Amino acid sequence: RALPGVPLPEFLERFFALCLAPAPLDTRVGPWAGALILMWFLMAIAAMLPSAAPMIRTYCEIADTARIKGEPVVHPLMLVAGYLGVWLAASMLFAALTLCVHAFAASGEIYDPLLGLAGALALLVAGLYQFSGLKEACLKKCRNPFSILFSNWSAKPVRVFRLGVAQGLWCLGC
């Protein structure tokens, strides 16, 4: 608060207001959707990209071996782009769900009972999912990328992008 005010573009003002203050959301799609998607996407990158490092490193090791043999390889950024594409799509879905819940809240206030019920339901579903077989299957695929990367190896950028999407979906399932 003691820092001097720095004029920011309107989009950044909305973004910081969304992230820093428990203000009620304007549920019109235009004003908040971009900032909300960005907020979710940055959280996903911060939380998930470090956990994807072993997958990326494994891909790079396989690619180095292929390159040494004289085989064509696709840059690992194609794999990362597919992986992050999943998280961007998930961010859009989470932003849309957030806006929907706020749109259906009776008073539009942050303390609306519907918002509390929606939060409790989300926590219940997430808690139950932690014990599901689907989560265990996703964890196996996400933790052990070598077999998937090796068995689906390709020198075509589109297939490597799809491989990144597949790994992103497994990690999203975790």
N, C-alpha and C. Protein backbone atom coordinates (compact mmCIF):
# COMPACT_ATOMS: atom_id res chain seq x y z
N ARG A 1 0.81 -1.20 0.00
CA ARG A 1 0.00 0.00 0.00
C ARG A 1 0.85 1.26 0.00
N ALA A 2 2.08 1.15 0.51
CA ALA A 2 2.95 2.31 0.58
C ALA A 2 3.63 2.61 -0.76
N LEU A 3 3.55 1.66 -1.69
CA LEU A 3 4.17 1.87 -2.99
C LEU A 3 3.34 2.85 -3.82
N PRO A 4 4.00 3.63 -4.65
CA PRO A 4 3.24 4.56 -5.50
C PRO A 4 2.41 3.78 -6.52
N GLY A 5 1.29 4.33 -6.87
CA GLY A 5 0.41 3.69 -7.85
C GLY A 5 1.04 3.73 -9.23
N VAL A 6 1.07 2.59 -9.88
CA VAL A 6 1.60 2.50 -11.24
C VAL A 6 0.42 2.22 -12.16
N PRO A 7 0.23 3.06 -13.16
CA PRO A 7 -0.90 2.81 -14.06
C PRO A 7 -0.67 1.52 -14.86
N LEU A 8 -1.66 0.65 -14.82
CA LEU A 8 -1.59 -0.62 -15.53
C LEU A 8 -2.69 -0.67 -16.58
N PRO A 9 -2.49 -1.47 -17.62
CA PRO A 9 -3.59 -1.66 -18.58
C PRO A 9 -4.80 -2.27 -17.87
N GLU A 10 -5.97 -1.98 -18.39
CA GLU A 10 -7.21 -2.43 -17.75
C GLU A 10 -7.23 -3.94 -17.53
N PHE A 11 -6.72 -4.70 -18.50
CA PHE A 11 -6.71 -6.15 -18.37
C PHE A 11 -5.91 -6.58 -17.14
N LEU A 12 -4.75 -5.97 -16.92
CA LEU A 12 -3.94 -6.32 -15.75
C LEU A 12 -4.60 -5.86 -14.46
N GLU A 13 -5.27 -4.71 -14.48
CA GLU A 13 -6.00 -4.26 -13.29
C GLU A 13 -7.05 -5.31 -12.90
N ARG A 14 -7.80 -5.80 -13.89
CA ARG A 14 -8.82 -6.82 -13.62
C ARG A 14 -8.18 -8.11 -13.13
N PHE A 15 -7.04 -8.47 -13.74
CA PHE A 15 -6.35 -9.69 -13.35
C PHE A 15 -5.91 -9.62 -11.89
N PHE A 16 -5.28 -8.52 -11.50
CA PHE A 16 -4.83 -8.37 -10.12
C PHE A 16 -6.01 -8.29 -9.16
N ALA A 17 -7.09 -7.65 -9.57
CA ALA A 17 -8.28 -7.59 -8.72
C ALA A 17 -8.85 -8.99 -8.51
N LEU A 18 -8.84 -9.79 -9.55
CA LEU A 18 -9.34 -11.16 -9.47
C LEU A 18 -8.48 -12.01 -8.55
N CYS A 19 -7.17 -11.85 -8.65
CA CYS A 19 -6.25 -12.69 -7.89
C CYS A 19 -6.05 -12.24 -6.44
N LEU A 20 -6.16 -10.94 -6.18
CA LEU A 20 -5.77 -10.42 -4.88
C LEU A 20 -6.93 -10.05 -3.96
N ALA A 21 -8.10 -9.86 -4.50
CA ALA A 21 -9.20 -9.39 -3.66
C ALA A 21 -10.40 -10.32 -3.81
N PRO A 22 -11.08 -10.60 -2.72
CA PRO A 22 -12.27 -11.43 -2.80
C PRO A 22 -13.49 -10.63 -3.26
N ALA A 23 -13.34 -9.94 -4.37
CA ALA A 23 -14.44 -9.11 -4.88
C ALA A 23 -15.41 -9.97 -5.67
N PRO A 24 -16.68 -9.61 -5.68
CA PRO A 24 -17.62 -10.38 -6.49
C PRO A 24 -17.28 -10.22 -7.96
N LEU A 25 -17.51 -11.30 -8.69
CA LEU A 25 -17.20 -11.28 -10.12
C LEU A 25 -18.31 -10.66 -10.92
N ASP A 26 -17.93 -9.92 -11.94
CA ASP A 26 -18.87 -9.47 -12.96
C ASP A 26 -19.01 -10.67 -13.88
N THR A 27 -20.19 -11.28 -13.94
CA THR A 27 -20.34 -12.55 -14.65
C THR A 27 -20.51 -12.39 -16.14
N ARG A 28 -20.47 -11.17 -16.65
CA ARG A 28 -20.46 -11.03 -18.10
C ARG A 28 -19.15 -11.60 -18.60
N VAL A 29 -19.20 -12.35 -19.68
CA VAL A 29 -18.02 -13.07 -20.16
C VAL A 29 -16.87 -12.14 -20.51
N GLY A 30 -17.13 -11.06 -21.18
CA GLY A 30 -16.08 -10.17 -21.67
C GLY A 30 -15.11 -9.68 -20.62
N PRO A 31 -15.60 -9.01 -19.57
CA PRO A 31 -14.67 -8.38 -18.63
C PRO A 31 -13.75 -9.33 -17.87
N TRP A 32 -14.24 -10.51 -17.49
CA TRP A 32 -13.46 -11.35 -16.59
C TRP A 32 -12.88 -12.61 -17.22
N ALA A 33 -13.44 -13.07 -18.32
CA ALA A 33 -13.06 -14.38 -18.85
C ALA A 33 -11.57 -14.48 -19.14
N GLY A 34 -11.01 -13.50 -19.82
CA GLY A 34 -9.58 -13.56 -20.15
C GLY A 34 -8.70 -13.60 -18.93
N ALA A 35 -9.00 -12.76 -17.96
CA ALA A 35 -8.20 -12.73 -16.73
C ALA A 35 -8.35 -14.02 -15.95
N LEU A 36 -9.56 -14.56 -15.92
CA LEU A 36 -9.81 -15.80 -15.19
C LEU A 36 -9.09 -16.98 -15.85
N ILE A 37 -9.13 -17.04 -17.18
CA ILE A 37 -8.41 -18.10 -17.90
C ILE A 37 -6.91 -17.97 -17.63
N LEU A 38 -6.40 -16.76 -17.71
CA LEU A 38 -4.98 -16.53 -17.45
C LEU A 38 -4.60 -16.95 -16.04
N MET A 39 -5.45 -16.62 -15.07
CA MET A 39 -5.17 -17.00 -13.68
C MET A 39 -5.09 -18.52 -13.55
N TRP A 40 -6.07 -19.24 -14.10
CA TRP A 40 -6.07 -20.70 -14.02
C TRP A 40 -4.87 -21.28 -14.75
N PHE A 41 -4.55 -20.72 -15.93
CA PHE A 41 -3.44 -21.25 -16.73
C PHE A 41 -2.11 -21.05 -16.02
N LEU A 42 -1.90 -19.87 -15.42
CA LEU A 42 -0.65 -19.63 -14.69
C LEU A 42 -0.53 -20.56 -13.48
N MET A 43 -1.65 -20.82 -12.81
CA MET A 43 -1.61 -21.77 -11.70
C MET A 43 -1.27 -23.17 -12.19
N ALA A 44 -1.84 -23.56 -13.33
CA ALA A 44 -1.56 -24.88 -13.89
C ALA A 44 -0.09 -25.00 -14.29
N ILE A 45 0.44 -23.96 -14.92
CA ILE A 45 1.85 -23.99 -15.32
C ILE A 45 2.74 -24.10 -14.09
N ALA A 46 2.46 -23.30 -13.09
CA ALA A 46 3.28 -23.31 -11.88
C ALA A 46 3.21 -24.66 -11.17
N ALA A 47 2.06 -25.29 -11.18
CA ALA A 47 1.90 -26.55 -10.46
C ALA A 47 2.31 -27.76 -11.29
N MET A 48 2.04 -27.74 -12.59
CA MET A 48 2.19 -28.95 -13.38
C MET A 48 3.45 -29.02 -14.25
N LEU A 49 3.93 -27.90 -14.73
CA LEU A 49 5.11 -27.97 -15.61
C LEU A 49 6.33 -28.56 -14.89
N PRO A 50 6.58 -28.22 -13.62
CA PRO A 50 7.71 -28.88 -12.94
C PRO A 50 7.54 -30.40 -12.85
N SER A 51 6.31 -30.86 -12.68
CA SER A 51 6.11 -32.31 -12.59
C SER A 51 6.23 -32.97 -13.96
N ALA A 52 6.18 -32.19 -15.04
CA ALA A 52 6.36 -32.73 -16.38
C ALA A 52 7.83 -32.81 -16.77
N ALA A 53 8.71 -32.27 -15.96
CA ALA A 53 10.14 -32.26 -16.28
C ALA A 53 10.70 -33.66 -16.55
N PRO A 54 10.35 -34.68 -15.76
CA PRO A 54 10.86 -36.02 -16.08
C PRO A 54 10.40 -36.52 -17.45
N MET A 55 9.16 -36.22 -17.82
CA MET A 55 8.66 -36.62 -19.13
C MET A 55 9.45 -35.92 -20.23
N ILE A 56 9.68 -34.62 -20.07
CA ILE A 56 10.41 -33.84 -21.07
C ILE A 56 11.85 -34.33 -21.15
N ARG A 57 12.46 -34.58 -20.01
CA ARG A 57 13.83 -35.08 -19.99
C ARG A 57 13.92 -36.45 -20.67
N THR A 58 12.95 -37.32 -20.40
CA THR A 58 12.92 -38.64 -21.03
C THR A 58 12.79 -38.51 -22.54
N TYR A 59 11.91 -37.62 -22.99
CA TYR A 59 11.76 -37.39 -24.42
C TYR A 59 13.09 -36.92 -25.02
N CYS A 60 13.75 -35.99 -24.35
CA CYS A 60 15.03 -35.46 -24.85
C CYS A 60 16.09 -36.56 -24.93
N GLU A 61 16.10 -37.46 -23.96
CA GLU A 61 17.07 -38.56 -23.98
C GLU A 61 16.80 -39.49 -25.15
N ILE A 62 15.54 -39.81 -25.40
CA ILE A 62 15.19 -40.66 -26.54
C ILE A 62 15.53 -39.94 -27.84
N ALA A 63 15.23 -38.64 -27.89
CA ALA A 63 15.52 -37.85 -29.10
C ALA A 63 17.03 -37.78 -29.35
N ASP A 64 17.83 -37.62 -28.30
CA ASP A 64 19.28 -37.58 -28.46
C ASP A 64 19.80 -38.91 -29.02
N THR A 65 19.27 -40.00 -28.50
CA THR A 65 19.68 -41.32 -29.00
C THR A 65 19.31 -41.46 -30.47
N ALA A 66 18.11 -41.03 -30.84
CA ALA A 66 17.68 -41.11 -32.24
C ALA A 66 18.55 -40.20 -33.12
N ARG A 67 18.86 -39.01 -32.65
CA ARG A 67 19.67 -38.06 -33.42
C ARG A 67 21.08 -38.62 -33.64
N ILE A 68 21.65 -39.25 -32.63
CA ILE A 68 22.99 -39.84 -32.76
C ILE A 68 22.98 -40.94 -33.82
N LYS A 69 21.87 -41.67 -33.92
CA LYS A 69 21.73 -42.72 -34.93
C LYS A 69 21.43 -42.14 -36.31
N GLY A 70 21.27 -40.81 -36.40
CA GLY A 70 21.00 -40.17 -37.68
C GLY A 70 19.52 -40.11 -38.05
N GLU A 71 18.65 -40.45 -37.12
CA GLU A 71 17.22 -40.40 -37.37
C GLU A 71 16.69 -38.99 -37.14
N PRO A 72 15.63 -38.61 -37.86
CA PRO A 72 15.07 -37.27 -37.64
C PRO A 72 14.34 -37.21 -36.30
N VAL A 73 14.39 -36.06 -35.67
CA VAL A 73 13.71 -35.88 -34.38
C VAL A 73 12.91 -34.57 -34.42
N VAL A 74 11.93 -34.52 -33.56
CA VAL A 74 11.09 -33.33 -33.41
C VAL A 74 11.52 -32.61 -32.14
N HIS A 75 11.57 -31.30 -32.21
CA HIS A 75 11.99 -30.49 -31.06
C HIS A 75 11.05 -30.77 -29.87
N PRO A 76 11.59 -30.86 -28.66
CA PRO A 76 10.75 -31.15 -27.48
C PRO A 76 9.70 -30.09 -27.20
N LEU A 77 9.85 -28.90 -27.76
CA LEU A 77 8.82 -27.87 -27.54
C LEU A 77 7.48 -28.27 -28.14
N MET A 78 7.48 -29.15 -29.14
CA MET A 78 6.20 -29.66 -29.67
C MET A 78 5.49 -30.51 -28.62
N LEU A 79 6.26 -31.31 -27.92
CA LEU A 79 5.70 -32.13 -26.83
C LEU A 79 5.15 -31.22 -25.73
N VAL A 80 5.92 -30.21 -25.36
CA VAL A 80 5.51 -29.27 -24.31
C VAL A 80 4.27 -28.48 -24.75
N ALA A 81 4.22 -28.10 -26.03
CA ALA A 81 3.05 -27.36 -26.53
C ALA A 81 1.78 -28.20 -26.42
N GLY A 82 1.86 -29.49 -26.74
CA GLY A 82 0.70 -30.36 -26.59
C GLY A 82 0.29 -30.49 -25.13
N TYR A 83 1.28 -30.65 -24.27
CA TYR A 83 1.04 -30.78 -22.84
C TYR A 83 0.36 -29.52 -22.28
N LEU A 84 0.92 -28.36 -22.63
CA LEU A 84 0.34 -27.11 -22.13
C LEU A 84 -1.01 -26.81 -22.78
N GLY A 85 -1.22 -27.31 -23.99
CA GLY A 85 -2.52 -27.14 -24.64
C GLY A 85 -3.65 -27.76 -23.82
N VAL A 86 -3.37 -28.91 -23.22
CA VAL A 86 -4.36 -29.56 -22.36
C VAL A 86 -4.66 -28.67 -21.17
N TRP A 87 -3.62 -28.09 -20.58
CA TRP A 87 -3.83 -27.25 -19.40
C TRP A 87 -4.50 -25.94 -19.75
N LEU A 88 -4.27 -25.44 -20.96
CA LEU A 88 -4.99 -24.24 -21.40
C LEU A 88 -6.47 -24.56 -21.58
N ALA A 89 -6.78 -25.70 -22.18
CA ALA A 89 -8.19 -26.11 -22.34
C ALA A 89 -8.85 -26.31 -20.97
N ALA A 90 -8.12 -26.94 -20.05
CA ALA A 90 -8.65 -27.13 -18.70
C ALA A 90 -8.87 -25.79 -18.02
N SER A 91 -7.97 -24.84 -18.24
CA SER A 91 -8.11 -23.50 -17.66
C SER A 91 -9.36 -22.82 -18.18
N MET A 92 -9.64 -22.99 -19.47
CA MET A 92 -10.87 -22.42 -20.05
C MET A 92 -12.10 -23.05 -19.42
N LEU A 93 -12.06 -24.36 -19.22
CA LEU A 93 -13.19 -25.05 -18.59
C LEU A 93 -13.39 -24.58 -17.15
N PHE A 94 -12.31 -24.49 -16.39
CA PHE A 94 -12.42 -24.05 -14.99
C PHE A 94 -12.91 -22.61 -14.90
N ALA A 95 -12.45 -21.76 -15.82
CA ALA A 95 -12.92 -20.37 -15.83
C ALA A 95 -14.40 -20.32 -16.15
N ALA A 96 -14.84 -21.11 -17.12
CA ALA A 96 -16.27 -21.15 -17.46
C ALA A 96 -17.10 -21.65 -16.29
N LEU A 97 -16.62 -22.68 -15.60
CA LEU A 97 -17.35 -23.19 -14.43
C LEU A 97 -17.43 -22.13 -13.34
N THR A 98 -16.34 -21.41 -13.12
CA THR A 98 -16.33 -20.34 -12.12
C THR A 98 -17.35 -19.28 -12.46
N LEU A 99 -17.37 -18.85 -13.72
CA LEU A 99 -18.33 -17.83 -14.14
C LEU A 99 -19.77 -18.34 -14.04
N CYS A 100 -19.99 -19.61 -14.36
CA CYS A 100 -21.34 -20.18 -14.26
C CYS A 100 -21.84 -20.20 -12.82
N VAL A 101 -20.97 -20.64 -11.92
CA VAL A 101 -21.37 -20.69 -10.51
C VAL A 101 -21.70 -19.28 -10.01
N HIS A 102 -20.88 -18.31 -10.37
CA HIS A 102 -21.15 -16.94 -9.94
C HIS A 102 -22.39 -16.36 -10.61
N ALA A 103 -22.66 -16.77 -11.84
CA ALA A 103 -23.85 -16.27 -12.54
C ALA A 103 -25.13 -16.78 -11.90
N PHE A 104 -25.08 -18.01 -11.39
CA PHE A 104 -26.28 -18.58 -10.78
C PHE A 104 -26.43 -18.27 -9.30
N ALA A 105 -25.43 -17.64 -8.71
CA ALA A 105 -25.54 -17.24 -7.31
C ALA A 105 -26.63 -16.17 -7.21
N ALA A 106 -27.46 -16.32 -6.21
CA ALA A 106 -28.63 -15.44 -6.08
C ALA A 106 -28.26 -13.98 -5.90
N SER A 107 -27.36 -13.68 -5.00
CA SER A 107 -27.07 -12.28 -4.70
C SER A 107 -25.85 -11.75 -5.44
N GLY A 108 -25.02 -12.64 -5.97
CA GLY A 108 -23.80 -12.19 -6.63
C GLY A 108 -22.70 -11.85 -5.65
N GLU A 109 -22.95 -11.94 -4.36
CA GLU A 109 -21.95 -11.63 -3.35
C GLU A 109 -21.03 -12.82 -3.14
N ILE A 110 -19.83 -12.56 -2.69
CA ILE A 110 -18.85 -13.60 -2.47
C ILE A 110 -19.29 -14.57 -1.37
N TYR A 111 -20.14 -14.12 -0.47
CA TYR A 111 -20.59 -14.96 0.64
C TYR A 111 -21.93 -15.63 0.37
N ASP A 112 -22.36 -15.67 -0.86
CA ASP A 112 -23.63 -16.30 -1.24
C ASP A 112 -23.58 -17.78 -0.87
N PRO A 113 -24.65 -18.32 -0.28
CA PRO A 113 -24.66 -19.74 0.11
C PRO A 113 -24.41 -20.69 -1.07
N LEU A 114 -24.86 -20.33 -2.27
CA LEU A 114 -24.64 -21.20 -3.42
C LEU A 114 -23.14 -21.35 -3.71
N LEU A 115 -22.39 -20.28 -3.52
CA LEU A 115 -20.95 -20.37 -3.74
C LEU A 115 -20.30 -21.31 -2.72
N GLY A 116 -20.76 -21.26 -1.50
CA GLY A 116 -20.25 -22.16 -0.47
C GLY A 116 -20.60 -23.61 -0.77
N LEU A 117 -21.84 -23.84 -1.21
CA LEU A 117 -22.25 -25.20 -1.58
C LEU A 117 -21.46 -25.71 -2.78
N ALA A 118 -21.25 -24.86 -3.76
CA ALA A 118 -20.48 -25.26 -4.94
C ALA A 118 -19.04 -25.61 -4.53
N GLY A 119 -18.46 -24.82 -3.66
CA GLY A 119 -17.11 -25.11 -3.18
C GLY A 119 -17.05 -26.41 -2.40
N ALA A 120 -18.04 -26.64 -1.54
CA ALA A 120 -18.08 -27.88 -0.76
C ALA A 120 -18.26 -29.09 -1.67
N LEU A 121 -19.11 -28.96 -2.68
CA LEU A 121 -19.32 -30.06 -3.62
C LEU A 121 -18.04 -30.34 -4.41
N ALA A 122 -17.34 -29.30 -4.83
CA ALA A 122 -16.09 -29.48 -5.56
C ALA A 122 -15.06 -30.20 -4.69
N LEU A 123 -14.97 -29.82 -3.43
CA LEU A 123 -14.04 -30.50 -2.52
C LEU A 123 -14.44 -31.96 -2.28
N LEU A 124 -15.73 -32.23 -2.18
CA LEU A 124 -16.20 -33.60 -1.99
C LEU A 124 -15.85 -34.46 -3.19
N VAL A 125 -16.13 -33.96 -4.39
CA VAL A 125 -15.82 -34.71 -5.61
C VAL A 125 -14.31 -34.94 -5.72
N ALA A 126 -13.52 -33.90 -5.46
CA ALA A 126 -12.06 -34.04 -5.52
C ALA A 126 -11.56 -35.03 -4.48
N GLY A 127 -12.12 -34.99 -3.29
CA GLY A 127 -11.71 -35.92 -2.25
C GLY A 127 -12.03 -37.36 -2.60
N LEU A 128 -13.22 -37.60 -3.13
CA LEU A 128 -13.59 -38.95 -3.53
C LEU A 128 -12.74 -39.44 -4.70
N TYR A 129 -12.43 -38.55 -5.62
CA TYR A 129 -11.62 -38.92 -6.78
C TYR A 129 -10.23 -39.39 -6.37
N GLN A 130 -9.71 -38.86 -5.26
CA GLN A 130 -8.38 -39.25 -4.79
C GLN A 130 -8.26 -40.75 -4.55
N PHE A 131 -9.38 -41.40 -4.28
CA PHE A 131 -9.37 -42.83 -3.97
C PHE A 131 -9.85 -43.69 -5.14
N SER A 132 -10.04 -43.10 -6.29
CA SER A 132 -10.60 -43.84 -7.42
C SER A 132 -9.52 -44.60 -8.19
N GLY A 133 -9.96 -45.64 -8.88
CA GLY A 133 -9.07 -46.40 -9.75
C GLY A 133 -8.60 -45.59 -10.94
N LEU A 134 -9.44 -44.67 -11.41
CA LEU A 134 -9.07 -43.83 -12.54
C LEU A 134 -7.85 -42.97 -12.18
N LYS A 135 -7.86 -42.42 -10.99
CA LYS A 135 -6.71 -41.61 -10.59
C LYS A 135 -5.45 -42.47 -10.51
N GLU A 136 -5.57 -43.68 -10.00
CA GLU A 136 -4.41 -44.57 -9.92
C GLU A 136 -3.88 -44.90 -11.31
N ALA A 137 -4.79 -45.15 -12.26
CA ALA A 137 -4.36 -45.45 -13.63
C ALA A 137 -3.65 -44.24 -14.25
N CYS A 138 -4.19 -43.06 -14.00
CA CYS A 138 -3.55 -41.84 -14.52
C CYS A 138 -2.18 -41.63 -13.90
N LEU A 139 -2.06 -41.88 -12.60
CA LEU A 139 -0.77 -41.73 -11.92
C LEU A 139 0.28 -42.66 -12.50
N LYS A 140 -0.12 -43.91 -12.81
CA LYS A 140 0.83 -44.86 -13.39
C LYS A 140 1.37 -44.35 -14.72
N LYS A 141 0.48 -43.85 -15.57
CA LYS A 141 0.89 -43.34 -16.88
C LYS A 141 1.72 -42.07 -16.75
N CYS A 142 1.35 -41.21 -15.83
CA CYS A 142 2.03 -39.93 -15.66
C CYS A 142 3.42 -40.11 -15.04
N ARG A 143 3.54 -41.06 -14.11
CA ARG A 143 4.81 -41.27 -13.42
C ARG A 143 5.83 -42.04 -14.26
N ASN A 144 5.36 -42.80 -15.22
CA ASN A 144 6.23 -43.65 -16.01
C ASN A 144 6.10 -43.34 -17.49
N PRO A 145 6.62 -42.20 -17.95
CA PRO A 145 6.39 -41.80 -19.34
C PRO A 145 7.25 -42.54 -20.36
N PHE A 146 8.31 -43.25 -19.91
CA PHE A 146 9.24 -43.83 -20.87
C PHE A 146 8.54 -44.79 -21.84
N SER A 147 7.76 -45.71 -21.32
CA SER A 147 7.14 -46.71 -22.20
C SER A 147 6.18 -46.06 -23.21
N ILE A 148 5.45 -45.05 -22.77
CA ILE A 148 4.52 -44.37 -23.66
C ILE A 148 5.29 -43.58 -24.72
N LEU A 149 6.31 -42.85 -24.29
CA LEU A 149 7.10 -42.06 -25.23
C LEU A 149 7.83 -42.96 -26.22
N PHE A 150 8.40 -44.04 -25.73
CA PHE A 150 9.17 -44.93 -26.59
C PHE A 150 8.28 -45.68 -27.56
N SER A 151 7.16 -46.18 -27.08
CA SER A 151 6.28 -46.97 -27.95
C SER A 151 5.53 -46.11 -28.96
N ASN A 152 5.39 -44.83 -28.70
CA ASN A 152 4.68 -43.92 -29.61
C ASN A 152 5.63 -42.94 -30.29
N TRP A 153 6.90 -43.28 -30.34
CA TRP A 153 7.91 -42.39 -30.92
C TRP A 153 7.56 -42.07 -32.37
N SER A 154 7.79 -40.83 -32.76
CA SER A 154 7.54 -40.40 -34.13
C SER A 154 8.46 -39.24 -34.48
N ALA A 155 8.72 -39.11 -35.77
CA ALA A 155 9.49 -37.97 -36.26
C ALA A 155 8.58 -36.94 -36.90
N LYS A 156 7.27 -37.09 -36.67
CA LYS A 156 6.29 -36.16 -37.22
C LYS A 156 5.84 -35.21 -36.11
N PRO A 157 5.95 -33.89 -36.35
CA PRO A 157 5.58 -32.93 -35.31
C PRO A 157 4.15 -33.09 -34.79
N VAL A 158 3.21 -33.40 -35.66
CA VAL A 158 1.82 -33.54 -35.22
C VAL A 158 1.67 -34.71 -34.24
N ARG A 159 2.37 -35.79 -34.50
CA ARG A 159 2.27 -36.95 -33.60
C ARG A 159 2.94 -36.67 -32.25
N VAL A 160 4.03 -35.91 -32.27
CA VAL A 160 4.69 -35.55 -31.02
C VAL A 160 3.80 -34.59 -30.22
N PHE A 161 3.15 -33.67 -30.93
CA PHE A 161 2.19 -32.77 -30.28
C PHE A 161 1.08 -33.60 -29.63
N ARG A 162 0.53 -34.58 -30.37
CA ARG A 162 -0.52 -35.45 -29.81
C ARG A 162 -0.01 -36.25 -28.61
N LEU A 163 1.25 -36.64 -28.67
CA LEU A 163 1.85 -37.34 -27.54
C LEU A 163 1.88 -36.44 -26.30
N GLY A 164 2.20 -35.16 -26.52
CA GLY A 164 2.16 -34.19 -25.42
C GLY A 164 0.74 -34.02 -24.89
N VAL A 165 -0.24 -34.00 -25.79
CA VAL A 165 -1.64 -33.92 -25.37
C VAL A 165 -2.02 -35.14 -24.54
N ALA A 166 -1.61 -36.33 -25.00
CA ALA A 166 -1.93 -37.55 -24.24
C ALA A 166 -1.32 -37.51 -22.85
N GLN A 167 -0.06 -37.10 -22.76
CA GLN A 167 0.58 -37.01 -21.44
C GLN A 167 -0.10 -35.94 -20.59
N GLY A 168 -0.50 -34.84 -21.22
CA GLY A 168 -1.21 -33.80 -20.48
C GLY A 168 -2.53 -34.31 -19.92
N LEU A 169 -3.23 -35.12 -20.71
CA LEU A 169 -4.50 -35.68 -20.23
C LEU A 169 -4.27 -36.65 -19.06
N TRP A 170 -3.21 -37.45 -19.14
CA TRP A 170 -2.92 -38.34 -18.01
C TRP A 170 -2.61 -37.53 -16.76
N CYS A 171 -1.84 -36.47 -16.93
CA CYS A 171 -1.49 -35.64 -15.77
C CYS A 171 -2.70 -34.86 -15.24
N LEU A 172 -3.57 -34.43 -16.15
CA LEU A 172 -4.81 -33.78 -15.72
C LEU A 172 -5.64 -34.77 -14.91
N GLY A 173 -5.63 -36.01 -15.32
CA GLY A 173 -6.36 -37.05 -14.56
C GLY A 173 -5.79 -37.29 -13.18
N CYS A 174 -4.54 -36.91 -12.98
CA CYS A 174 -3.93 -37.09 -11.65
C CYS A 174 -4.46 -36.04 -10.70
